[in-house]
Amino acid sequence: MDLVVPCNSCTSLYRQTPLQPRLSSAKRGAFSFRCRRKTTSELQSPVSSTSPNDNPFPTIPTHKVTVHDRKQGVVHEFVVPEDQYILHTAESQNITLPFACRHGCCTSCAVRVKSGQIRQPEALGISAELKAKGYALLCVGFPSSDVEVETQDEDEVYWLQFGRYFARGPIERDDYALELAMGDE
């Protein structure tokens, strides 16, 4: 019987015979869980995945994500599995992107999709109308293809989302109330 064992250094899973010590281990009874995933050094994309018996496992498709961060003036490129959030994967690779709520409710991580597709079933902070215009939220977005996006100004997207409800124009943001709300988390 095989166990599915998560790798400690990447997101892959591989099968291993349960509680079977490795012969190369110096201590009797010690166990070694090594990643069998081969990666490129720059983008950390999986090249191949094999089991101990050289049987390939079904792999999750990955997509190259390019984020043009307008505020910081940098371009980030990284690979994201199709079943993981873009923001979460970027953070796991030490890439800093804007965010606030992490639940798809605000517009802090909003981007405009330049090419490719992002699936975002949980994006409550972006209306269907804005999604149709190419806006997406990275915190709850899954890549469906290679994607190129550009970060947006949070207030601008918020105005596009809710501006029609404020007849007198944009309202001033109360940063003190925002600090209090963020402190409650």
N, C-alpha and C. Protein backbone atom coordinates (compact mmCIF):
# COMPACT_ATOMS: atom_id res chain seq x y z
N MET A 1 0.84 -1.18 0.00
CA MET A 1 0.00 0.00 0.00
C MET A 1 0.88 1.24 0.00
N ASP A 2 0.57 2.21 -0.84
CA ASP A 2 1.34 3.44 -0.93
C ASP A 2 0.62 4.56 -0.23
N LEU A 3 1.40 5.50 0.30
CA LEU A 3 0.87 6.72 0.90
C LEU A 3 1.18 7.88 -0.03
N VAL A 4 0.30 8.86 -0.05
CA VAL A 4 0.60 10.09 -0.78
C VAL A 4 1.24 11.02 0.22
N VAL A 5 2.48 11.43 -0.06
CA VAL A 5 3.27 12.24 0.87
C VAL A 5 3.51 13.60 0.25
N PRO A 6 3.19 14.70 0.95
CA PRO A 6 3.46 16.02 0.39
C PRO A 6 4.94 16.34 0.50
N CYS A 7 5.44 17.04 -0.49
CA CYS A 7 6.83 17.47 -0.46
C CYS A 7 6.91 18.71 0.42
N ASN A 8 7.95 18.83 1.22
CA ASN A 8 8.11 19.98 2.11
C ASN A 8 8.64 21.21 1.39
N SER A 9 9.23 21.03 0.22
CA SER A 9 9.84 22.18 -0.45
C SER A 9 9.11 22.61 -1.72
N CYS A 10 8.06 21.90 -2.11
CA CYS A 10 7.29 22.33 -3.27
C CYS A 10 5.84 21.88 -3.10
N THR A 11 5.06 21.99 -4.12
CA THR A 11 3.64 21.67 -4.00
C THR A 11 3.29 20.30 -4.55
N SER A 12 4.30 19.49 -4.86
CA SER A 12 4.00 18.20 -5.48
C SER A 12 3.73 17.12 -4.44
N LEU A 13 3.04 16.09 -4.87
CA LEU A 13 2.79 14.92 -4.05
C LEU A 13 3.41 13.72 -4.75
N TYR A 14 3.91 12.77 -3.98
CA TYR A 14 4.40 11.56 -4.59
C TYR A 14 4.09 10.39 -3.69
N ARG A 15 4.09 9.21 -4.27
CA ARG A 15 3.75 8.01 -3.50
C ARG A 15 5.01 7.41 -2.90
N GLN A 16 4.84 6.88 -1.69
CA GLN A 16 5.94 6.23 -1.02
C GLN A 16 5.38 5.09 -0.18
N THR A 17 6.11 4.00 -0.12
CA THR A 17 5.69 2.89 0.72
C THR A 17 5.72 3.37 2.17
N PRO A 18 4.66 3.14 2.94
CA PRO A 18 4.58 3.71 4.27
C PRO A 18 5.66 3.19 5.21
N LEU A 19 6.22 4.11 5.96
CA LEU A 19 7.15 3.82 7.04
C LEU A 19 8.27 2.86 6.64
N GLN A 20 8.83 3.10 5.49
CA GLN A 20 9.93 2.27 5.04
C GLN A 20 11.20 3.10 5.08
N PRO A 21 12.14 2.76 5.97
CA PRO A 21 13.36 3.57 6.09
C PRO A 21 14.18 3.54 4.81
N ARG A 22 14.85 4.62 4.53
CA ARG A 22 15.74 4.70 3.38
C ARG A 22 17.06 4.04 3.76
N LEU A 23 17.63 3.26 2.87
CA LEU A 23 18.87 2.57 3.14
C LEU A 23 20.03 3.54 3.28
N SER A 24 19.95 4.69 2.64
CA SER A 24 21.04 5.66 2.70
C SER A 24 21.04 6.44 4.00
N SER A 25 20.04 6.28 4.82
CA SER A 25 19.95 7.04 6.07
C SER A 25 20.97 6.54 7.08
N ALA A 26 21.60 7.48 7.75
CA ALA A 26 22.63 7.12 8.71
C ALA A 26 22.03 6.53 9.98
N LYS A 27 20.86 7.02 10.39
CA LYS A 27 20.23 6.54 11.61
C LYS A 27 19.21 5.46 11.29
N ARG A 28 19.19 4.44 12.09
CA ARG A 28 18.23 3.37 11.88
C ARG A 28 16.83 3.90 12.20
N GLY A 29 15.89 3.67 11.31
CA GLY A 29 14.51 4.11 11.53
C GLY A 29 14.24 5.52 11.05
N ALA A 30 15.24 6.23 10.54
CA ALA A 30 15.01 7.59 10.05
C ALA A 30 14.35 7.51 8.68
N PHE A 31 13.56 8.49 8.36
CA PHE A 31 12.85 8.51 7.10
C PHE A 31 13.27 9.73 6.31
N SER A 32 13.29 9.59 5.02
CA SER A 32 13.66 10.69 4.14
C SER A 32 12.54 10.91 3.13
N PHE A 33 12.02 12.12 3.09
CA PHE A 33 11.01 12.48 2.12
C PHE A 33 11.62 13.52 1.20
N ARG A 34 12.04 13.12 0.02
CA ARG A 34 12.68 14.03 -0.91
C ARG A 34 11.74 14.37 -2.04
N CYS A 35 11.90 15.54 -2.53
CA CYS A 35 11.12 15.97 -3.68
C CYS A 35 11.67 15.29 -4.93
N ARG A 36 10.79 14.74 -5.73
CA ARG A 36 11.21 14.10 -6.96
C ARG A 36 10.90 14.98 -8.16
N ARG A 37 10.62 16.22 -7.90
CA ARG A 37 10.24 17.15 -8.94
C ARG A 37 11.47 17.86 -9.48
N LYS A 38 11.62 17.87 -10.78
CA LYS A 38 12.72 18.58 -11.41
C LYS A 38 12.20 19.95 -11.82
N THR A 39 12.96 21.00 -11.52
CA THR A 39 12.51 22.35 -11.83
C THR A 39 13.59 23.13 -12.55
N THR A 40 13.16 24.18 -13.23
CA THR A 40 14.12 25.11 -13.80
C THR A 40 14.47 26.08 -12.69
N SER A 41 15.62 26.71 -12.75
CA SER A 41 16.04 27.57 -11.67
C SER A 41 15.33 28.92 -11.66
N GLU A 42 14.94 29.44 -12.82
CA GLU A 42 14.38 30.78 -12.85
C GLU A 42 12.90 30.83 -12.50
N LEU A 43 12.09 30.05 -13.16
CA LEU A 43 10.66 30.13 -12.96
C LEU A 43 10.11 29.04 -12.06
N GLN A 44 10.90 28.09 -11.64
CA GLN A 44 10.47 27.01 -10.77
C GLN A 44 9.29 26.23 -11.33
N SER A 45 9.29 26.04 -12.63
CA SER A 45 8.20 25.29 -13.24
C SER A 45 8.55 23.82 -13.29
N PRO A 46 7.57 22.95 -13.08
CA PRO A 46 7.87 21.53 -13.11
C PRO A 46 8.22 21.06 -14.52
N VAL A 47 9.29 20.30 -14.61
CA VAL A 47 9.69 19.76 -15.90
C VAL A 47 9.17 18.34 -16.03
N SER A 48 9.30 17.57 -14.95
CA SER A 48 8.77 16.21 -14.98
C SER A 48 8.49 15.77 -13.55
N SER A 49 7.70 14.74 -13.44
CA SER A 49 7.38 14.20 -12.14
C SER A 49 7.28 12.70 -12.30
N THR A 50 8.06 11.97 -11.53
CA THR A 50 8.01 10.52 -11.62
C THR A 50 7.89 9.92 -10.24
N SER A 51 7.32 8.76 -10.20
CA SER A 51 7.18 8.04 -8.95
C SER A 51 8.43 7.22 -8.72
N PRO A 52 8.56 6.60 -7.54
CA PRO A 52 9.72 5.75 -7.31
C PRO A 52 9.82 4.62 -8.33
N ASN A 53 8.71 4.21 -8.94
CA ASN A 53 8.71 3.15 -9.94
C ASN A 53 8.80 3.69 -11.36
N ASP A 54 9.14 4.96 -11.51
CA ASP A 54 9.22 5.65 -12.80
C ASP A 54 7.89 5.70 -13.54
N ASN A 55 6.79 5.64 -12.81
CA ASN A 55 5.47 5.83 -13.41
C ASN A 55 5.09 7.29 -13.25
N PRO A 56 4.79 7.98 -14.33
CA PRO A 56 4.44 9.39 -14.18
C PRO A 56 3.08 9.57 -13.50
N PHE A 57 3.02 10.55 -12.61
CA PHE A 57 1.76 10.91 -11.97
C PHE A 57 1.04 11.90 -12.85
N PRO A 58 -0.27 11.95 -12.78
CA PRO A 58 -0.97 13.01 -13.50
C PRO A 58 -0.56 14.35 -12.88
N THR A 59 -0.17 15.29 -13.69
CA THR A 59 0.29 16.57 -13.17
C THR A 59 -0.77 17.63 -13.40
N ILE A 60 -0.78 18.59 -12.50
CA ILE A 60 -1.67 19.75 -12.63
C ILE A 60 -1.03 20.69 -13.64
N PRO A 61 -1.76 21.15 -14.64
CA PRO A 61 -1.18 22.09 -15.60
C PRO A 61 -0.73 23.37 -14.91
N THR A 62 0.36 23.93 -15.36
CA THR A 62 0.86 25.20 -14.82
C THR A 62 0.86 26.24 -15.93
N HIS A 63 0.80 27.50 -15.52
CA HIS A 63 0.78 28.59 -16.49
C HIS A 63 1.72 29.69 -16.04
N LYS A 64 2.36 30.31 -16.99
CA LYS A 64 3.23 31.44 -16.72
C LYS A 64 2.37 32.67 -16.48
N VAL A 65 2.63 33.36 -15.36
CA VAL A 65 1.89 34.57 -15.02
C VAL A 65 2.89 35.73 -15.03
N THR A 66 2.57 36.77 -15.76
CA THR A 66 3.39 37.98 -15.81
C THR A 66 2.56 39.12 -15.23
N VAL A 67 3.09 39.74 -14.17
CA VAL A 67 2.39 40.84 -13.51
C VAL A 67 3.21 42.11 -13.66
N HIS A 68 2.63 43.11 -14.32
CA HIS A 68 3.25 44.43 -14.42
C HIS A 68 2.74 45.24 -13.23
N ASP A 69 3.61 45.45 -12.25
CA ASP A 69 3.23 46.20 -11.05
C ASP A 69 3.49 47.67 -11.32
N ARG A 70 2.43 48.41 -11.61
CA ARG A 70 2.56 49.83 -11.96
C ARG A 70 3.08 50.67 -10.80
N LYS A 71 2.68 50.35 -9.59
CA LYS A 71 3.07 51.14 -8.43
C LYS A 71 4.56 51.01 -8.14
N GLN A 72 5.09 49.79 -8.23
CA GLN A 72 6.51 49.56 -7.94
C GLN A 72 7.38 49.68 -9.18
N GLY A 73 6.76 49.68 -10.36
CA GLY A 73 7.52 49.80 -11.60
C GLY A 73 8.35 48.56 -11.93
N VAL A 74 7.86 47.39 -11.55
CA VAL A 74 8.57 46.14 -11.83
C VAL A 74 7.64 45.16 -12.53
N VAL A 75 8.25 44.16 -13.16
CA VAL A 75 7.51 43.09 -13.82
C VAL A 75 7.90 41.78 -13.15
N HIS A 76 6.90 41.04 -12.69
CA HIS A 76 7.14 39.75 -12.05
C HIS A 76 6.69 38.65 -13.01
N GLU A 77 7.50 37.61 -13.14
CA GLU A 77 7.12 36.44 -13.92
C GLU A 77 7.28 35.21 -13.04
N PHE A 78 6.26 34.39 -12.98
CA PHE A 78 6.31 33.19 -12.17
C PHE A 78 5.31 32.19 -12.71
N VAL A 79 5.43 30.95 -12.27
CA VAL A 79 4.57 29.88 -12.75
C VAL A 79 3.58 29.52 -11.66
N VAL A 80 2.31 29.36 -12.05
CA VAL A 80 1.24 29.07 -11.09
C VAL A 80 0.50 27.81 -11.54
N PRO A 81 0.34 26.83 -10.66
CA PRO A 81 -0.51 25.68 -11.00
C PRO A 81 -1.95 26.14 -11.19
N GLU A 82 -2.66 25.46 -12.08
CA GLU A 82 -4.03 25.84 -12.42
C GLU A 82 -4.99 25.77 -11.24
N ASP A 83 -4.64 25.03 -10.20
CA ASP A 83 -5.53 24.87 -9.05
C ASP A 83 -5.11 25.71 -7.85
N GLN A 84 -4.23 26.70 -8.03
CA GLN A 84 -3.80 27.55 -6.92
C GLN A 84 -4.04 29.01 -7.24
N TYR A 85 -4.30 29.78 -6.18
CA TYR A 85 -4.49 31.22 -6.35
C TYR A 85 -3.19 31.87 -6.80
N ILE A 86 -3.30 32.86 -7.66
CA ILE A 86 -2.13 33.56 -8.18
C ILE A 86 -1.40 34.29 -7.05
N LEU A 87 -2.12 35.01 -6.21
CA LEU A 87 -1.49 35.76 -5.12
C LEU A 87 -0.75 34.83 -4.17
N HIS A 88 -1.38 33.74 -3.78
CA HIS A 88 -0.78 32.79 -2.84
C HIS A 88 0.52 32.21 -3.41
N THR A 89 0.49 31.83 -4.67
CA THR A 89 1.68 31.26 -5.31
C THR A 89 2.79 32.30 -5.41
N ALA A 90 2.44 33.54 -5.75
CA ALA A 90 3.45 34.61 -5.82
C ALA A 90 4.11 34.79 -4.46
N GLU A 91 3.32 34.84 -3.41
CA GLU A 91 3.88 35.01 -2.07
C GLU A 91 4.78 33.85 -1.67
N SER A 92 4.42 32.64 -2.07
CA SER A 92 5.26 31.48 -1.74
C SER A 92 6.60 31.54 -2.46
N GLN A 93 6.70 32.37 -3.50
CA GLN A 93 7.95 32.56 -4.23
C GLN A 93 8.59 33.91 -3.91
N ASN A 94 8.19 34.50 -2.76
CA ASN A 94 8.73 35.78 -2.26
C ASN A 94 8.51 36.94 -3.22
N ILE A 95 7.39 36.94 -3.90
CA ILE A 95 7.01 38.04 -4.78
C ILE A 95 5.93 38.84 -4.07
N THR A 96 6.17 40.13 -3.89
CA THR A 96 5.23 40.99 -3.18
C THR A 96 4.28 41.67 -4.16
N LEU A 97 3.00 41.40 -4.00
CA LEU A 97 1.96 42.01 -4.81
C LEU A 97 0.95 42.67 -3.87
N PRO A 98 0.21 43.68 -4.35
CA PRO A 98 -0.76 44.34 -3.48
C PRO A 98 -1.93 43.43 -3.12
N PHE A 99 -2.40 43.53 -1.87
CA PHE A 99 -3.57 42.78 -1.41
C PHE A 99 -4.06 43.41 -0.11
N ALA A 100 -5.27 43.04 0.31
CA ALA A 100 -5.78 43.47 1.60
C ALA A 100 -6.59 42.35 2.24
N CYS A 101 -7.74 42.02 1.67
CA CYS A 101 -8.67 41.11 2.36
C CYS A 101 -8.38 39.63 2.12
N ARG A 102 -7.80 39.26 1.00
CA ARG A 102 -7.52 37.87 0.61
C ARG A 102 -8.78 37.03 0.39
N HIS A 103 -9.93 37.66 0.32
CA HIS A 103 -11.18 36.92 0.17
C HIS A 103 -11.96 37.32 -1.07
N GLY A 104 -11.41 38.15 -1.93
CA GLY A 104 -12.10 38.55 -3.15
C GLY A 104 -13.17 39.59 -2.93
N CYS A 105 -13.11 40.31 -1.80
CA CYS A 105 -14.17 41.28 -1.48
C CYS A 105 -13.75 42.73 -1.72
N CYS A 106 -12.47 43.03 -1.68
CA CYS A 106 -12.04 44.41 -1.90
C CYS A 106 -11.42 44.53 -3.28
N THR A 107 -10.80 45.64 -3.58
CA THR A 107 -10.20 45.83 -4.90
C THR A 107 -8.69 46.09 -4.80
N SER A 108 -8.07 45.74 -3.69
CA SER A 108 -6.64 46.00 -3.50
C SER A 108 -5.76 45.23 -4.47
N CYS A 109 -6.12 44.00 -4.78
CA CYS A 109 -5.30 43.17 -5.66
C CYS A 109 -5.84 43.15 -7.09
N ALA A 110 -6.67 44.13 -7.44
CA ALA A 110 -7.29 44.16 -8.77
C ALA A 110 -6.24 44.37 -9.86
N VAL A 111 -6.43 43.66 -10.95
CA VAL A 111 -5.56 43.78 -12.12
C VAL A 111 -6.43 43.87 -13.37
N ARG A 112 -5.82 44.34 -14.43
CA ARG A 112 -6.47 44.34 -15.74
C ARG A 112 -5.76 43.29 -16.57
N VAL A 113 -6.49 42.35 -17.10
CA VAL A 113 -5.91 41.26 -17.87
C VAL A 113 -5.57 41.77 -19.27
N LYS A 114 -4.28 41.71 -19.62
CA LYS A 114 -3.83 42.14 -20.94
C LYS A 114 -3.92 40.98 -21.95
N SER A 115 -3.61 39.77 -21.48
CA SER A 115 -3.74 38.58 -22.33
C SER A 115 -3.91 37.37 -21.44
N GLY A 116 -4.59 36.36 -21.96
CA GLY A 116 -4.84 35.15 -21.20
C GLY A 116 -6.16 35.20 -20.46
N GLN A 117 -6.38 34.18 -19.64
CA GLN A 117 -7.64 34.08 -18.90
C GLN A 117 -7.40 33.72 -17.45
N ILE A 118 -8.20 34.35 -16.57
CA ILE A 118 -8.18 34.06 -15.14
C ILE A 118 -9.58 33.62 -14.74
N ARG A 119 -9.66 32.47 -14.09
CA ARG A 119 -10.94 31.97 -13.56
C ARG A 119 -11.04 32.48 -12.12
N GLN A 120 -12.16 33.15 -11.79
CA GLN A 120 -12.31 33.76 -10.47
C GLN A 120 -13.75 33.63 -9.95
N PRO A 121 -14.17 32.43 -9.63
CA PRO A 121 -15.56 32.23 -9.20
C PRO A 121 -15.89 32.90 -7.86
N GLU A 122 -14.88 33.21 -7.05
CA GLU A 122 -15.13 33.78 -5.72
C GLU A 122 -14.89 35.28 -5.67
N ALA A 123 -14.72 35.96 -6.79
CA ALA A 123 -14.40 37.38 -6.82
C ALA A 123 -15.65 38.22 -6.63
N LEU A 124 -16.00 38.50 -5.39
CA LEU A 124 -17.18 39.30 -5.10
C LEU A 124 -16.92 40.80 -5.26
N GLY A 125 -15.66 41.22 -5.17
CA GLY A 125 -15.31 42.64 -5.26
C GLY A 125 -15.29 43.18 -6.67
N ILE A 126 -15.52 42.32 -7.65
CA ILE A 126 -15.53 42.73 -9.06
C ILE A 126 -16.87 42.29 -9.66
N SER A 127 -17.58 43.24 -10.20
CA SER A 127 -18.88 42.92 -10.81
C SER A 127 -18.70 42.13 -12.10
N ALA A 128 -19.76 41.51 -12.56
CA ALA A 128 -19.73 40.78 -13.84
C ALA A 128 -19.38 41.73 -14.97
N GLU A 129 -19.84 42.97 -14.86
CA GLU A 129 -19.55 43.98 -15.88
C GLU A 129 -18.04 44.27 -15.94
N LEU A 130 -17.40 44.42 -14.78
CA LEU A 130 -15.96 44.68 -14.77
C LEU A 130 -15.16 43.45 -15.19
N LYS A 131 -15.64 42.26 -14.81
CA LYS A 131 -14.97 41.03 -15.26
C LYS A 131 -14.99 40.97 -16.78
N ALA A 132 -16.13 41.35 -17.38
CA ALA A 132 -16.25 41.34 -18.84
C ALA A 132 -15.31 42.35 -19.49
N LYS A 133 -14.97 43.41 -18.75
CA LYS A 133 -14.04 44.42 -19.27
C LYS A 133 -12.59 44.03 -19.03
N GLY A 134 -12.36 42.88 -18.40
CA GLY A 134 -11.00 42.38 -18.24
C GLY A 134 -10.38 42.58 -16.87
N TYR A 135 -11.17 42.90 -15.88
CA TYR A 135 -10.63 43.06 -14.52
C TYR A 135 -10.69 41.73 -13.78
N ALA A 136 -9.73 41.55 -12.88
CA ALA A 136 -9.67 40.31 -12.09
C ALA A 136 -9.05 40.62 -10.73
N LEU A 137 -9.24 39.70 -9.80
CA LEU A 137 -8.63 39.79 -8.47
C LEU A 137 -7.63 38.66 -8.31
N LEU A 138 -6.39 38.99 -7.98
CA LEU A 138 -5.34 37.98 -7.87
C LEU A 138 -5.51 37.09 -6.65
N CYS A 139 -6.14 37.59 -5.59
CA CYS A 139 -6.24 36.79 -4.36
C CYS A 139 -7.15 35.58 -4.53
N VAL A 140 -8.10 35.64 -5.45
CA VAL A 140 -9.01 34.51 -5.67
C VAL A 140 -9.03 34.11 -7.15
N GLY A 141 -7.96 34.44 -7.87
CA GLY A 141 -7.90 34.13 -9.29
C GLY A 141 -7.01 32.93 -9.57
N PHE A 142 -7.50 32.04 -10.43
CA PHE A 142 -6.76 30.87 -10.90
C PHE A 142 -6.40 31.10 -12.36
N PRO A 143 -5.16 30.84 -12.78
CA PRO A 143 -4.85 31.00 -14.21
C PRO A 143 -5.45 29.85 -15.02
N SER A 144 -6.08 30.17 -16.14
CA SER A 144 -6.61 29.16 -17.04
C SER A 144 -5.73 29.01 -18.27
N SER A 145 -4.77 29.93 -18.43
CA SER A 145 -3.83 29.92 -19.53
C SER A 145 -2.65 30.77 -19.09
N ASP A 146 -1.64 30.91 -19.95
CA ASP A 146 -0.59 31.88 -19.64
C ASP A 146 -1.27 33.25 -19.58
N VAL A 147 -0.89 34.05 -18.58
CA VAL A 147 -1.60 35.30 -18.33
C VAL A 147 -0.61 36.45 -18.19
N GLU A 148 -0.99 37.60 -18.74
CA GLU A 148 -0.25 38.84 -18.54
C GLU A 148 -1.25 39.85 -18.00
N VAL A 149 -0.93 40.42 -16.82
CA VAL A 149 -1.84 41.36 -16.17
C VAL A 149 -1.08 42.61 -15.73
N GLU A 150 -1.86 43.64 -15.43
CA GLU A 150 -1.31 44.91 -14.97
C GLU A 150 -2.08 45.33 -13.72
N THR A 151 -1.34 45.66 -12.65
CA THR A 151 -2.01 46.09 -11.42
C THR A 151 -2.75 47.40 -11.67
N GLN A 152 -3.79 47.62 -10.90
CA GLN A 152 -4.63 48.81 -11.05
C GLN A 152 -4.65 49.59 -9.74
N ASP A 153 -5.03 50.84 -9.84
CA ASP A 153 -5.19 51.66 -8.65
C ASP A 153 -6.46 51.21 -7.93
N GLU A 154 -6.33 50.87 -6.66
CA GLU A 154 -7.46 50.34 -5.90
C GLU A 154 -8.66 51.29 -5.91
N ASP A 155 -8.41 52.58 -5.69
CA ASP A 155 -9.50 53.55 -5.64
C ASP A 155 -10.20 53.69 -7.00
N GLU A 156 -9.41 53.60 -8.06
CA GLU A 156 -9.99 53.70 -9.40
C GLU A 156 -10.94 52.53 -9.68
N VAL A 157 -10.51 51.33 -9.33
CA VAL A 157 -11.35 50.15 -9.54
C VAL A 157 -12.58 50.21 -8.63
N TYR A 158 -12.38 50.66 -7.40
CA TYR A 158 -13.51 50.80 -6.48
C TYR A 158 -14.53 51.78 -7.06
N TRP A 159 -14.06 52.87 -7.64
CA TRP A 159 -14.96 53.85 -8.24
C TRP A 159 -15.70 53.24 -9.44
N LEU A 160 -14.98 52.48 -10.26
CA LEU A 160 -15.64 51.81 -11.40
C LEU A 160 -16.71 50.83 -10.91
N GLN A 161 -16.42 50.18 -9.80
CA GLN A 161 -17.33 49.17 -9.25
C GLN A 161 -18.56 49.82 -8.59
N PHE A 162 -18.33 50.86 -7.77
CA PHE A 162 -19.42 51.40 -6.96
C PHE A 162 -19.74 52.87 -7.23
N GLY A 163 -19.02 53.51 -8.13
CA GLY A 163 -19.17 54.95 -8.37
C GLY A 163 -20.56 55.38 -8.77
N ARG A 164 -21.27 54.56 -9.50
CA ARG A 164 -22.61 54.95 -9.95
C ARG A 164 -23.59 55.09 -8.78
N TYR A 165 -23.22 54.55 -7.63
CA TYR A 165 -24.09 54.65 -6.45
C TYR A 165 -23.85 55.92 -5.65
N PHE A 166 -22.76 56.65 -5.98
CA PHE A 166 -22.44 57.88 -5.27
C PHE A 166 -22.62 59.05 -6.24
N ALA A 167 -23.74 59.70 -6.19
CA ALA A 167 -24.11 60.72 -7.17
C ALA A 167 -23.20 61.93 -7.15
N ARG A 168 -22.61 62.27 -6.02
CA ARG A 168 -21.81 63.48 -5.93
C ARG A 168 -20.34 63.27 -6.32
N GLY A 169 -19.97 62.13 -6.77
CA GLY A 169 -18.57 61.87 -7.15
C GLY A 169 -17.87 61.01 -6.12
N PRO A 170 -16.58 60.84 -6.29
CA PRO A 170 -15.83 59.96 -5.38
C PRO A 170 -15.91 60.46 -3.94
N ILE A 171 -15.98 59.53 -3.02
CA ILE A 171 -15.97 59.89 -1.61
C ILE A 171 -14.55 59.78 -1.10
N GLU A 172 -14.24 60.57 -0.07
CA GLU A 172 -12.91 60.49 0.50
C GLU A 172 -12.80 59.25 1.36
N ARG A 173 -11.68 58.61 1.24
CA ARG A 173 -11.45 57.39 1.98
C ARG A 173 -11.04 57.74 3.41
N ASP A 174 -11.59 57.06 4.38
CA ASP A 174 -11.27 57.28 5.77
C ASP A 174 -10.20 56.27 6.19
N ASP A 175 -8.93 56.68 6.08
CA ASP A 175 -7.83 55.76 6.37
C ASP A 175 -7.81 55.34 7.84
N TYR A 176 -8.27 56.20 8.74
CA TYR A 176 -8.32 55.84 10.16
C TYR A 176 -9.31 54.70 10.39
N ALA A 177 -10.49 54.78 9.76
CA ALA A 177 -11.48 53.71 9.89
C ALA A 177 -10.95 52.43 9.27
N LEU A 178 -10.20 52.54 8.18
CA LEU A 178 -9.62 51.37 7.55
C LEU A 178 -8.59 50.72 8.47
N GLU A 179 -7.77 51.55 9.15
CA GLU A 179 -6.79 51.01 10.11
C GLU A 179 -7.49 50.28 11.24
N LEU A 180 -8.58 50.86 11.75
CA LEU A 180 -9.33 50.20 12.82
C LEU A 180 -9.90 48.86 12.35
N ALA A 181 -10.44 48.85 11.15
CA ALA A 181 -11.02 47.62 10.61
C ALA A 181 -9.94 46.56 10.39
N MET A 182 -8.78 46.96 9.90
CA MET A 182 -7.69 46.01 9.67
C MET A 182 -7.15 45.49 10.99
N GLY A 183 -7.20 46.30 12.04
CA GLY A 183 -6.72 45.88 13.35
C GLY A 183 -7.58 44.84 13.99
N ASP A 184 -8.83 44.74 13.57
CA ASP A 184 -9.76 43.75 14.14
C ASP A 184 -9.52 42.36 13.61
N GLU A 185 -8.74 42.22 12.56
CA GLU A 185 -8.53 40.90 11.94
C GLU A 185 -7.64 40.03 12.74
